[in-house]
């Protein structure tokens, strides 16, 4: 076998599974080297265009030369230059200048490395949110359809993972949807709150640009505004050091971590429901659940979401610590860390949203299992209704309570000690004391009478809160997700 340094086969080198195995092509491209360095060139073009419009000696020919070479990047040359210079931005300045000899003298004029580095990061973060938001909206839409379909189906509720009052399948789904709607609002707000670093110079004072424009403050302000507008931002940060404040990254990763928490909770619920055999994620015809146990239908998609969501939730610790240790106008100990955590957060969020969409488009409900579980627990929950019915029929509340206490304990012993079914209602039917209400027992045990306003809550919530929130994404709602792996 070839030594690791000699290996040409891509399989002989580590590749992040976030890209090689899971993430969408769109999100992988958003954090790619090609997107990054072509954006650097566009930012140099925007700067030159704005400087020319404000009177600096830059020609149309130089601008046209830059425009013609925005994507003509010699990556091999750039790598060689960086190895020699130990400076990635200057390596790409030289590489751009090599194919733009007429514009070489004005590329990066007055700028610092963070002009391209930080501004590109902000563009990539904005574009990342724009990729995630329609995916999140699609997940909400699919779950909303599911909630609407099962709005009336009674299901056993759980508190402390112990049987509790009934809810409905659709109402439980609305708990998931509500969390995701909060995430939708948070992601929108985080995207809209992003500003451009703009044209600020080496330590954020704009001194180099003030010198270029011979002390004309208004031209420096206009330069900042023009470049910000060309990059597609409405506002730039008014003050920066060499970098934009690293607290911005905290806000970005915090909302993604919160999304991770929501999806982890949803997929944990689905995994628990799969164990109860009430609801399962989709399971393909040829899918294998276990190499040893052929009968198994493991909830692997939900497990993947939980696994990756845990990673997403931890990533916010990186920008928290980075922001805390930035000295004065900046230190470079942020750079390597940010290369990893920013990209991984968006790639991970992208993966779990695609996977959850796939799950939500194929959820399988087993009504008979749900009904059976209700039958096992509902008799005990109906005891108060039985007491009330007996009192209305002329019975004594205390006598009835004692009768039910004895019968319910006997039925509980059958369930817990003998492993049998709950026979409480059969005991009530066999006891002459309850003969006045024997004909009412079926209606007293109707599960729909125990779900309260759950169906109405589902309808109102979907109509007034969920569907309106999805309106901006209607044009991007089509298309199912097929997972590669």
Protein backbone atom coordinates (compact mmCIF):
# COMPACT_ATOMS: atom_id res chain seq x y z
CA UNK A 1 0.00 0.00 0.00
CA UNK A 2 1.11 3.54 -0.68
CA UNK A 3 2.22 5.66 2.23
CA UNK A 4 -0.38 8.21 3.40
CA UNK A 5 1.58 11.10 1.88
CA UNK A 6 1.61 9.35 -1.50
CA UNK A 7 -2.02 8.37 -1.62
CA UNK A 8 -3.99 9.88 -4.49
CA UNK A 9 -7.20 7.99 -3.80
CA UNK A 10 -9.74 10.24 -2.06
CA UNK A 11 -10.69 7.27 0.12
CA UNK A 12 -7.19 7.33 1.59
CA UNK A 13 -7.76 10.74 3.18
CA UNK A 14 -10.11 11.81 5.95
CA UNK A 15 -13.19 13.62 4.73
CA UNK A 16 -15.74 15.21 7.02
CA UNK A 17 -18.89 13.07 6.96
CA UNK A 18 -20.86 16.30 7.18
CA UNK A 19 -19.96 16.88 3.53
CA UNK A 20 -19.06 13.43 2.18
CA UNK A 21 -22.04 11.63 3.69
CA UNK A 22 -24.85 13.96 4.65
CA UNK A 23 -25.07 17.65 3.70
CA UNK A 24 -26.80 19.04 0.63
CA UNK A 25 -24.75 20.16 -2.36
CA UNK A 26 -26.04 23.72 -1.88
CA UNK A 27 -24.86 24.03 1.70
CA UNK A 28 -21.56 22.29 0.95
CA UNK A 29 -20.94 24.81 -1.84
CA UNK A 30 -21.85 27.72 0.43
CA UNK A 31 -18.86 26.88 2.63
CA UNK A 32 -16.59 25.78 -0.19
CA UNK A 33 -13.23 27.26 -1.14
CA UNK A 34 -14.61 28.27 -4.53
CA UNK A 35 -17.47 30.26 -2.98
CA UNK A 36 -15.08 31.85 -0.49
CA UNK A 37 -12.38 32.96 -2.91
CA UNK A 38 -14.72 34.02 -5.71
CA UNK A 39 -16.50 36.17 -3.11
CA UNK A 40 -13.16 37.69 -2.13
CA UNK A 41 -12.69 38.73 -5.76
CA UNK A 42 -16.15 40.20 -5.95
CA UNK A 43 -15.44 42.22 -2.82
CA UNK A 44 -12.24 43.55 -4.38
CA UNK A 45 -14.28 44.46 -7.45
CA UNK A 46 -16.95 46.23 -5.35
CA UNK A 47 -14.23 48.19 -3.56
CA UNK A 48 -12.56 49.24 -6.81
CA UNK A 49 -15.88 50.22 -8.39
CA UNK A 50 -16.86 52.32 -5.39
CA UNK A 51 -13.42 53.94 -5.14
CA UNK A 52 -13.54 54.80 -8.86
CA UNK A 53 -17.02 56.33 -8.54
CA UNK A 54 -15.75 58.55 -5.75
CA UNK A 55 -12.87 59.91 -7.77
CA UNK A 56 -9.85 57.66 -7.32
CA UNK A 57 -7.68 57.04 -10.35
CA UNK A 58 -9.08 53.67 -11.42
CA UNK A 59 -9.88 52.98 -15.06
CA UNK A 60 -12.78 51.22 -16.76
CA UNK A 61 -10.24 48.84 -18.27
CA UNK A 62 -9.05 47.79 -14.82
CA UNK A 63 -12.63 47.23 -13.64
CA UNK A 64 -13.46 45.18 -16.74
CA UNK A 65 -10.34 43.06 -16.27
CA UNK A 66 -11.36 42.26 -12.69
CA UNK A 67 -14.95 41.46 -13.76
CA UNK A 68 -13.69 39.04 -16.41
CA UNK A 69 -11.63 37.03 -13.91
CA UNK A 70 -13.91 36.72 -10.90
CA UNK A 71 -14.15 32.93 -11.22
CA UNK A 72 -10.86 32.33 -13.04
CA UNK A 73 -9.03 31.17 -9.93
CA UNK A 74 -5.75 29.26 -10.18
CA UNK A 75 -6.02 27.34 -6.92
CA UNK A 76 -2.66 25.63 -7.42
CA UNK A 77 -0.91 28.99 -7.76
CA UNK A 78 -2.77 30.36 -4.72
CA UNK A 79 -1.67 27.37 -2.63
CA UNK A 80 1.95 27.84 -3.70
CA UNK A 81 1.79 31.56 -2.92
CA UNK A 82 0.30 30.90 0.51
CA UNK A 83 2.96 28.32 1.31
CA UNK A 84 5.59 30.93 0.45
CA UNK A 85 3.94 34.00 2.00
CA UNK A 86 2.17 32.32 4.95
CA UNK A 87 -0.72 34.70 4.32
CA UNK A 88 -3.89 33.50 2.61
CA UNK A 89 -5.25 36.91 1.62
CA UNK A 90 -2.00 38.15 0.06
CA UNK A 91 -1.64 34.82 -1.71
CA UNK A 92 -4.97 35.43 -3.40
CA UNK A 93 -4.20 39.10 -4.06
CA UNK A 94 -1.12 37.94 -5.99
CA UNK A 95 -3.08 35.20 -7.76
CA UNK A 96 -5.82 37.64 -8.80
CA UNK A 97 -3.22 40.20 -9.87
CA UNK A 98 -1.50 37.55 -12.02
CA UNK A 99 -4.59 37.24 -14.24
CA UNK A 100 -5.40 40.96 -13.94
CA UNK A 101 -2.06 42.66 -14.70
CA UNK A 102 -3.65 46.01 -15.55
CA UNK A 103 -5.66 46.05 -12.29
CA UNK A 104 -2.87 44.62 -10.12
CA UNK A 105 -1.91 47.99 -8.69
CA UNK A 106 -5.38 48.78 -7.32
CA UNK A 107 -6.56 45.39 -6.05
CA UNK A 108 -7.16 45.52 -2.27
CA UNK A 109 -6.47 49.28 -2.28
CA UNK A 110 -6.71 50.63 1.26
CA UNK A 111 -8.13 47.39 2.64
CA UNK A 112 -7.06 45.00 5.37
CA UNK A 113 -7.36 41.21 5.21
CA UNK A 114 -10.59 41.29 7.20
CA UNK A 115 -12.18 43.35 4.46
CA UNK A 116 -12.44 40.19 2.40
CA UNK A 117 -12.31 37.65 5.24
CA UNK A 118 -14.97 39.00 7.57
CA UNK A 119 -17.24 40.41 4.88
CA UNK A 120 -17.20 37.08 3.07
CA UNK A 121 -18.04 35.29 6.31
CA UNK A 122 -21.06 37.56 6.76
CA UNK A 123 -22.21 36.91 3.20
CA UNK A 124 -21.81 33.15 3.70
CA UNK A 125 -23.71 33.26 7.03
CA UNK A 126 -26.54 35.21 5.42
CA UNK A 127 -26.67 32.81 2.48
CA UNK A 128 -26.57 29.88 4.89
CA UNK A 129 -29.66 31.16 6.68
CA UNK A 130 -31.35 31.62 3.30
CA UNK A 131 -30.73 27.94 2.57
CA UNK A 132 -31.92 26.73 5.99
CA UNK A 133 -35.11 28.78 6.29
CA UNK A 134 -37.04 27.18 3.39
CA UNK A 135 -35.99 23.73 4.64
CA UNK A 136 -37.29 24.53 8.12
CA UNK A 137 -40.51 25.89 6.61
CA UNK A 138 -40.96 22.66 4.64
CA UNK A 139 -40.57 20.58 7.79
CA UNK A 140 -43.18 22.73 9.56
CA UNK A 141 -45.52 22.43 6.58
CA UNK A 142 -45.24 18.62 6.45
CA UNK A 143 -45.84 18.34 10.20
CA UNK A 144 -48.78 20.76 9.93
CA UNK A 145 -50.39 18.49 7.34
CA UNK A 146 -49.82 15.53 9.65
CA UNK A 147 -51.30 17.40 12.64
CA UNK A 148 -54.35 18.39 10.64
CA UNK A 149 -54.92 14.81 9.46
CA UNK A 150 -54.74 13.40 12.99
CA UNK A 151 -56.20 16.34 14.90
CA UNK A 152 -59.11 14.22 16.23
CA UNK A 153 -57.34 10.89 16.86
CA UNK A 154 -57.22 10.27 20.64
CA UNK A 155 -53.91 9.09 22.05
CA UNK A 156 -52.64 8.45 25.53
CA UNK A 157 -50.78 11.43 26.91
CA UNK A 158 -47.67 11.09 29.04
CA UNK A 159 -46.21 13.19 31.81
CA UNK A 160 -42.96 11.95 33.38
CA UNK A 161 -43.32 9.23 30.73
CA UNK A 162 -46.20 7.89 32.81
CA UNK A 163 -49.75 7.56 31.46
CA UNK A 164 -51.68 10.82 31.78
CA UNK A 165 -54.88 12.36 30.38
CA UNK A 166 -55.62 11.75 26.73
CA UNK A 167 -54.45 14.10 24.01
CA UNK A 168 -54.64 13.61 20.25
CA UNK A 169 -51.97 12.57 17.78
CA UNK A 170 -52.35 15.92 16.02
CA UNK A 171 -52.18 17.96 19.22
CA UNK A 172 -48.92 16.29 20.25
CA UNK A 173 -47.50 17.10 16.82
CA UNK A 174 -48.45 20.74 17.37
CA UNK A 175 -46.10 20.81 20.36
CA UNK A 176 -43.30 19.97 17.94
CA UNK A 177 -44.50 22.51 15.39
CA UNK A 178 -44.67 25.31 17.95
CA UNK A 179 -41.01 24.84 18.87
CA UNK A 180 -40.02 24.84 15.20
CA UNK A 181 -42.06 28.00 14.56
CA UNK A 182 -40.07 29.69 17.33
CA UNK A 183 -36.90 28.53 15.57
CA UNK A 184 -38.18 29.89 12.25
CA UNK A 185 -38.65 33.31 13.83
CA UNK A 186 -35.24 33.14 15.52
CA UNK A 187 -33.44 32.21 12.31
CA UNK A 188 -35.21 34.96 10.39
CA UNK A 189 -34.30 37.49 13.08
CA UNK A 190 -30.66 36.34 13.22
CA UNK A 191 -30.36 36.62 9.44
CA UNK A 192 -32.01 40.04 9.31
CA UNK A 193 -29.88 41.32 12.19
CA UNK A 194 -26.65 40.54 10.31
CA UNK A 195 -24.83 43.63 9.13
CA UNK A 196 -21.87 44.04 6.83
CA UNK A 197 -18.42 44.75 8.26
CA UNK A 198 -17.94 47.11 5.38
CA UNK A 199 -14.89 49.23 4.65
CA UNK A 200 -13.24 49.91 8.00
CA UNK A 201 -9.48 49.53 7.57
CA UNK A 202 -6.81 47.93 9.70
CA UNK A 203 -8.11 48.65 13.20
CA UNK A 204 -11.58 49.82 12.27
CA UNK A 205 -10.72 53.54 12.13
CA UNK A 206 -10.89 53.87 8.31
CA UNK A 207 -7.59 55.77 8.47
CA UNK A 208 -6.25 54.32 5.19
CA UNK A 209 -9.38 55.34 3.31
CA UNK A 210 -9.35 58.79 4.85
CA UNK A 211 -5.82 59.16 3.49
CA UNK A 212 -6.86 57.91 0.04
CA UNK A 213 -9.60 60.52 -0.10
CA UNK A 214 -7.38 63.27 1.30
CA UNK A 215 -9.29 63.73 4.54
CA UNK A 216 -12.78 63.76 3.00
CA UNK A 217 -14.90 62.04 5.67
CA UNK A 218 -18.05 62.14 3.57
CA UNK A 219 -16.39 60.16 0.78
CA UNK A 220 -15.18 57.53 3.22
CA UNK A 221 -18.69 57.17 4.61
CA UNK A 222 -20.09 56.96 1.07
CA UNK A 223 -17.49 54.33 0.16
CA UNK A 224 -18.63 52.23 3.12
CA UNK A 225 -22.26 52.65 2.11
CA UNK A 226 -21.69 51.81 -1.57
CA UNK A 227 -19.74 48.61 -0.91
CA UNK A 228 -22.29 47.52 1.70
CA UNK A 229 -25.08 48.04 -0.83
CA UNK A 230 -23.23 46.17 -3.60
CA UNK A 231 -22.81 43.19 -1.25
CA UNK A 232 -26.56 43.07 -0.68
CA UNK A 233 -26.70 44.38 2.89
CA UNK A 234 -28.88 47.22 4.13
CA UNK A 235 -26.58 48.17 6.99
CA UNK A 236 -22.98 47.91 8.11
CA UNK A 237 -21.69 47.84 11.66
CA UNK A 238 -20.88 51.43 12.60
CA UNK A 239 -17.87 50.44 14.68
CA UNK A 240 -15.53 47.48 14.37
CA UNK A 241 -12.02 46.57 15.39
CA UNK A 242 -10.05 44.80 12.73
CA UNK A 243 -12.92 42.29 12.76
CA UNK A 244 -16.62 42.55 13.32
CA UNK A 245 -17.52 41.71 16.91
CA UNK A 246 -17.30 37.99 17.50
CA UNK A 247 -20.48 38.25 19.54
CA UNK A 248 -22.22 38.18 16.16
CA UNK A 249 -21.09 34.57 15.75
CA UNK A 250 -22.55 33.74 19.16
CA UNK A 251 -25.96 34.97 18.03
CA UNK A 252 -25.76 32.96 14.82
CA UNK A 253 -24.76 29.68 16.43
CA UNK A 254 -27.11 30.17 19.39
CA UNK A 255 -30.20 30.06 17.17
CA UNK A 256 -28.84 27.02 15.35
CA UNK A 257 -28.15 25.31 18.68
CA UNK A 258 -31.72 26.07 19.73
CA UNK A 259 -32.96 24.50 16.50
CA UNK A 260 -30.86 21.45 17.35
CA UNK A 261 -32.55 21.21 20.74
CA UNK A 262 -36.01 21.33 19.12
CA UNK A 263 -35.18 18.60 16.63
CA UNK A 264 -33.57 16.43 19.29
CA UNK A 265 -36.78 16.61 21.35
CA UNK A 266 -38.99 15.83 18.34
CA UNK A 267 -36.92 12.87 17.22
CA UNK A 268 -36.65 11.55 20.78
CA UNK A 269 -40.45 11.58 20.96
CA UNK A 270 -40.60 9.70 17.66
CA UNK A 271 -38.11 7.13 18.96
CA UNK A 272 -40.21 6.61 22.10
CA UNK A 273 -43.39 6.30 20.02
CA UNK A 274 -41.62 3.74 17.82
CA UNK A 275 -40.86 1.70 20.92
CA UNK A 276 -44.55 1.91 21.84
CA UNK A 277 -45.37 0.87 18.25
CA UNK A 278 -47.77 3.81 17.91
CA UNK A 279 -45.88 5.85 15.30
CA UNK A 280 -42.82 5.00 13.23
CA UNK A 281 -40.56 6.87 10.86
CA UNK A 282 -40.54 5.62 7.23
CA UNK A 283 -38.87 2.25 6.65
CA UNK A 284 -37.90 1.35 3.10
CA UNK A 285 -38.69 -1.94 1.40
CA UNK A 286 -35.10 -3.22 1.36
CA UNK A 287 -33.93 -1.45 4.52
CA UNK A 288 -32.19 -3.60 7.17
CA UNK A 289 -32.83 -2.69 10.77
CA UNK A 290 -30.21 -4.92 12.35
CA UNK A 291 -27.41 -7.13 11.06
CA UNK A 292 -28.25 -9.71 13.73
CA UNK A 293 -32.00 -9.31 14.26
CA UNK A 294 -33.85 -9.33 10.91
CA UNK A 295 -37.20 -8.36 12.45
CA UNK A 296 -36.01 -4.99 13.78
CA UNK A 297 -37.20 -1.61 12.47
CA UNK A 298 -34.78 0.74 14.17
CA UNK A 299 -35.60 4.49 14.01
CA UNK A 300 -32.23 5.25 12.39
CA UNK A 301 -33.26 8.57 10.84
CA UNK A 302 -34.46 9.93 14.17
CA UNK A 303 -31.35 8.57 15.84
CA UNK A 304 -29.20 10.36 13.26
CA UNK A 305 -31.02 13.62 13.96
CA UNK A 306 -30.44 13.24 17.69
CA UNK A 307 -26.79 12.36 17.19
CA UNK A 308 -26.06 15.34 14.95
CA UNK A 309 -28.27 17.68 16.99
CA UNK A 310 -26.06 17.02 20.00
CA UNK A 311 -23.06 18.12 17.95
CA UNK A 312 -24.91 21.22 16.78
CA UNK A 313 -25.86 22.20 20.32
CA UNK A 314 -22.25 21.99 21.53
CA UNK A 315 -20.82 24.18 18.75
CA UNK A 316 -22.12 27.40 20.32
CA UNK A 317 -19.42 27.00 22.97
CA UNK A 318 -16.76 27.85 20.37
CA UNK A 319 -17.90 31.42 19.56
CA UNK A 320 -18.70 32.03 23.22
CA UNK A 321 -15.10 31.33 24.16
CA UNK A 322 -13.71 33.07 21.08
CA UNK A 323 -15.59 36.30 21.80
CA UNK A 324 -14.41 36.21 25.39
CA UNK A 325 -10.71 36.14 24.50
CA UNK A 326 -10.48 38.65 21.64
CA UNK A 327 -7.86 41.16 22.81
CA UNK A 328 -8.45 44.81 21.97
CA UNK A 329 -8.94 45.23 18.18
CA UNK A 330 -8.38 41.51 17.41
CA UNK A 331 -6.23 38.43 17.84
CA UNK A 332 -5.77 35.66 15.29
CA UNK A 333 -6.67 32.82 17.63
CA UNK A 334 -10.24 33.10 16.34
CA UNK A 335 -9.44 32.16 12.75
CA UNK A 336 -8.82 28.39 12.81
CA UNK A 337 -11.66 27.88 15.28
CA UNK A 338 -14.15 29.81 13.13
CA UNK A 339 -13.17 27.88 10.01
CA UNK A 340 -14.51 24.79 11.77
CA UNK A 341 -17.45 25.81 13.95
CA UNK A 342 -19.29 28.19 11.60
CA UNK A 343 -19.28 25.79 8.67
CA UNK A 344 -20.08 22.74 10.81
CA UNK A 345 -23.04 24.46 12.47
CA UNK A 346 -24.74 25.24 9.16
CA UNK A 347 -23.83 21.91 7.58
CA UNK A 348 -25.20 20.05 10.61
CA UNK A 349 -28.39 22.09 10.72
CA UNK A 350 -28.84 21.46 7.00
CA UNK A 351 -28.50 17.71 7.47
CA UNK A 352 -30.92 17.36 10.36
CA UNK A 353 -33.55 19.51 8.64
CA UNK A 354 -33.35 17.40 5.47
CA UNK A 355 -33.56 14.22 7.54
CA UNK A 356 -36.50 15.49 9.59
CA UNK A 357 -38.31 16.47 6.41
CA UNK A 358 -37.82 12.94 5.13
CA UNK A 359 -39.18 11.58 8.41
CA UNK A 360 -42.19 13.91 8.47
CA UNK A 361 -43.12 12.99 4.89
CA UNK A 362 -43.40 9.31 5.78
CA UNK A 363 -44.59 9.00 9.37
CA UNK A 364 -46.61 5.81 9.86
CA UNK A 365 -49.42 5.77 12.43
CA UNK A 366 -50.82 2.56 13.93
CA UNK A 367 -54.36 3.40 15.16
CA UNK A 368 -55.10 -0.06 16.56
CA UNK A 369 -52.05 0.04 18.81
CA UNK A 370 -52.99 3.52 19.98
CA UNK A 371 -56.56 2.36 20.70
CA UNK A 372 -55.32 -0.67 22.63
CA UNK A 373 -53.10 1.47 24.83
CA UNK A 374 -56.02 3.79 25.53
CA UNK A 375 -58.18 0.81 26.50
CA UNK A 376 -55.52 -0.31 28.96
CA UNK A 377 -55.39 3.02 30.78
CA UNK A 378 -58.71 4.76 30.16
CA UNK A 379 -60.77 2.70 32.63
CA UNK A 380 -58.85 4.18 35.55
CA UNK A 381 -59.14 7.67 34.10
CA UNK A 382 -62.91 7.21 33.72
CA UNK A 383 -63.51 6.53 37.40
CA UNK A 384 -64.51 10.13 38.13
CA UNK A 385 -67.03 10.03 35.27
CA UNK A 386 -68.46 6.77 36.65
CA UNK A 387 -68.83 8.27 40.13
CA UNK A 388 -70.65 11.31 38.74
CA UNK A 389 -72.98 9.12 36.69
CA UNK A 390 -73.79 6.97 39.72
CA UNK A 391 -74.57 10.02 41.86
CA UNK A 392 -76.90 11.31 39.14
CA UNK A 393 -78.62 7.89 39.18
CA UNK A 394 -79.23 8.24 42.93
CA UNK A 395 -76.10 6.63 44.37
CA UNK A 396 -73.99 7.79 47.31
CA UNK A 397 -70.68 9.38 46.30
CA UNK A 398 -68.66 7.88 49.19
CA UNK A 399 -70.08 4.39 48.73
CA UNK A 400 -69.36 4.52 45.03
CA UNK A 401 -65.83 5.78 45.62
CA UNK A 402 -65.09 2.84 47.94
CA UNK A 403 -66.51 0.32 45.47
CA UNK A 404 -64.35 1.76 42.67
CA UNK A 405 -61.27 1.86 44.89
CA UNK A 406 -61.56 -1.86 45.60
CA UNK A 407 -62.30 -2.85 41.98
CA UNK A 408 -59.53 -0.66 40.55
CA UNK A 409 -56.94 -2.13 42.90
CA UNK A 410 -58.02 -5.63 41.92
CA UNK A 411 -57.69 -4.70 38.23
CA UNK A 412 -54.31 -3.12 38.84
CA UNK A 413 -53.08 -6.31 40.46
CA UNK A 414 -54.08 -8.26 37.36
CA UNK A 415 -52.07 -5.85 35.17
CA UNK A 416 -48.98 -5.52 37.33
CA UNK A 417 -48.72 -8.89 39.07
CA UNK A 418 -50.26 -11.25 36.52
CA UNK A 419 -49.37 -9.39 33.32
CA UNK A 420 -53.00 -9.43 32.20
CA UNK A 421 -55.17 -6.77 30.58
CA UNK A 422 -56.98 -4.12 32.53
CA UNK A 423 -60.34 -5.73 33.44
CA UNK A 424 -61.69 -2.88 35.58
CA UNK A 425 -64.69 -2.22 33.32
CA UNK A 426 -65.55 -5.95 33.22
CA UNK A 427 -65.60 -5.89 37.04
CA UNK A 428 -67.89 -2.83 37.00
CA UNK A 429 -70.24 -4.59 34.57
CA UNK A 430 -70.29 -7.70 36.78
CA UNK A 431 -71.11 -5.75 39.95
CA UNK A 432 -74.88 -5.27 40.52
CA UNK A 433 -74.13 -2.06 42.43
CA UNK A 434 -73.35 -0.33 39.12
CA UNK A 435 -76.39 -1.69 37.26
CA UNK A 436 -78.02 1.81 37.05
CA UNK A 437 -75.27 2.97 34.69
CA UNK A 438 -74.33 -0.22 32.84
CA UNK A 439 -75.91 1.12 29.64
CA UNK A 440 -73.92 4.37 29.95
CA UNK A 441 -70.52 2.74 30.29
CA UNK A 442 -69.75 2.80 26.57
CA UNK A 443 -70.40 6.53 26.28
CA UNK A 444 -68.58 7.19 29.56
CA UNK A 445 -65.53 5.47 28.04
CA UNK A 446 -65.61 7.23 24.65
CA UNK A 447 -61.98 8.41 24.22
CA UNK A 448 -63.05 11.54 22.32
CA UNK A 449 -64.78 12.80 25.45
CA UNK A 450 -61.40 12.84 27.23
CA UNK A 451 -59.40 14.91 24.75
CA UNK A 452 -60.84 18.27 25.75
CA UNK A 453 -60.32 21.01 23.17
CA UNK A 454 -57.34 19.34 21.53
CA UNK A 455 -58.94 19.17 18.04
CA UNK A 456 -60.07 22.78 18.25
CA UNK A 457 -56.65 23.89 19.46
CA UNK A 458 -55.00 22.16 16.49
CA UNK A 459 -57.30 23.85 13.99
CA UNK A 460 -56.91 27.31 15.52
CA UNK A 461 -53.13 27.01 15.91
CA UNK A 462 -52.57 25.87 12.33
CA UNK A 463 -54.87 28.51 10.89
CA UNK A 464 -53.78 31.52 12.90
CA UNK A 465 -50.10 30.92 13.64
CA UNK A 466 -48.54 28.21 11.49
CA UNK A 467 -49.91 28.72 7.98
CA UNK A 468 -49.35 32.52 8.03
CA UNK A 469 -45.72 32.01 9.10
CA UNK A 470 -45.14 29.81 6.03
CA UNK A 471 -46.48 32.28 3.46
CA UNK A 472 -43.04 33.76 2.59
CA UNK A 473 -41.83 30.26 1.68
CA UNK A 474 -44.77 29.03 -0.39
CA UNK A 475 -42.82 29.03 -3.65
CA UNK A 476 -40.23 26.68 -2.11
CA UNK A 477 -42.56 24.14 -0.51
CA UNK A 478 -42.53 21.52 -3.26
CA UNK A 479 -40.26 18.52 -3.44
CA UNK A 480 -39.65 15.54 -1.21
CA UNK A 481 -36.31 14.64 0.32
CA UNK A 482 -34.63 11.39 -0.59
CA UNK A 483 -31.71 10.63 1.71
CA UNK A 484 -28.53 9.47 0.02
CA UNK A 485 -27.53 7.44 3.06
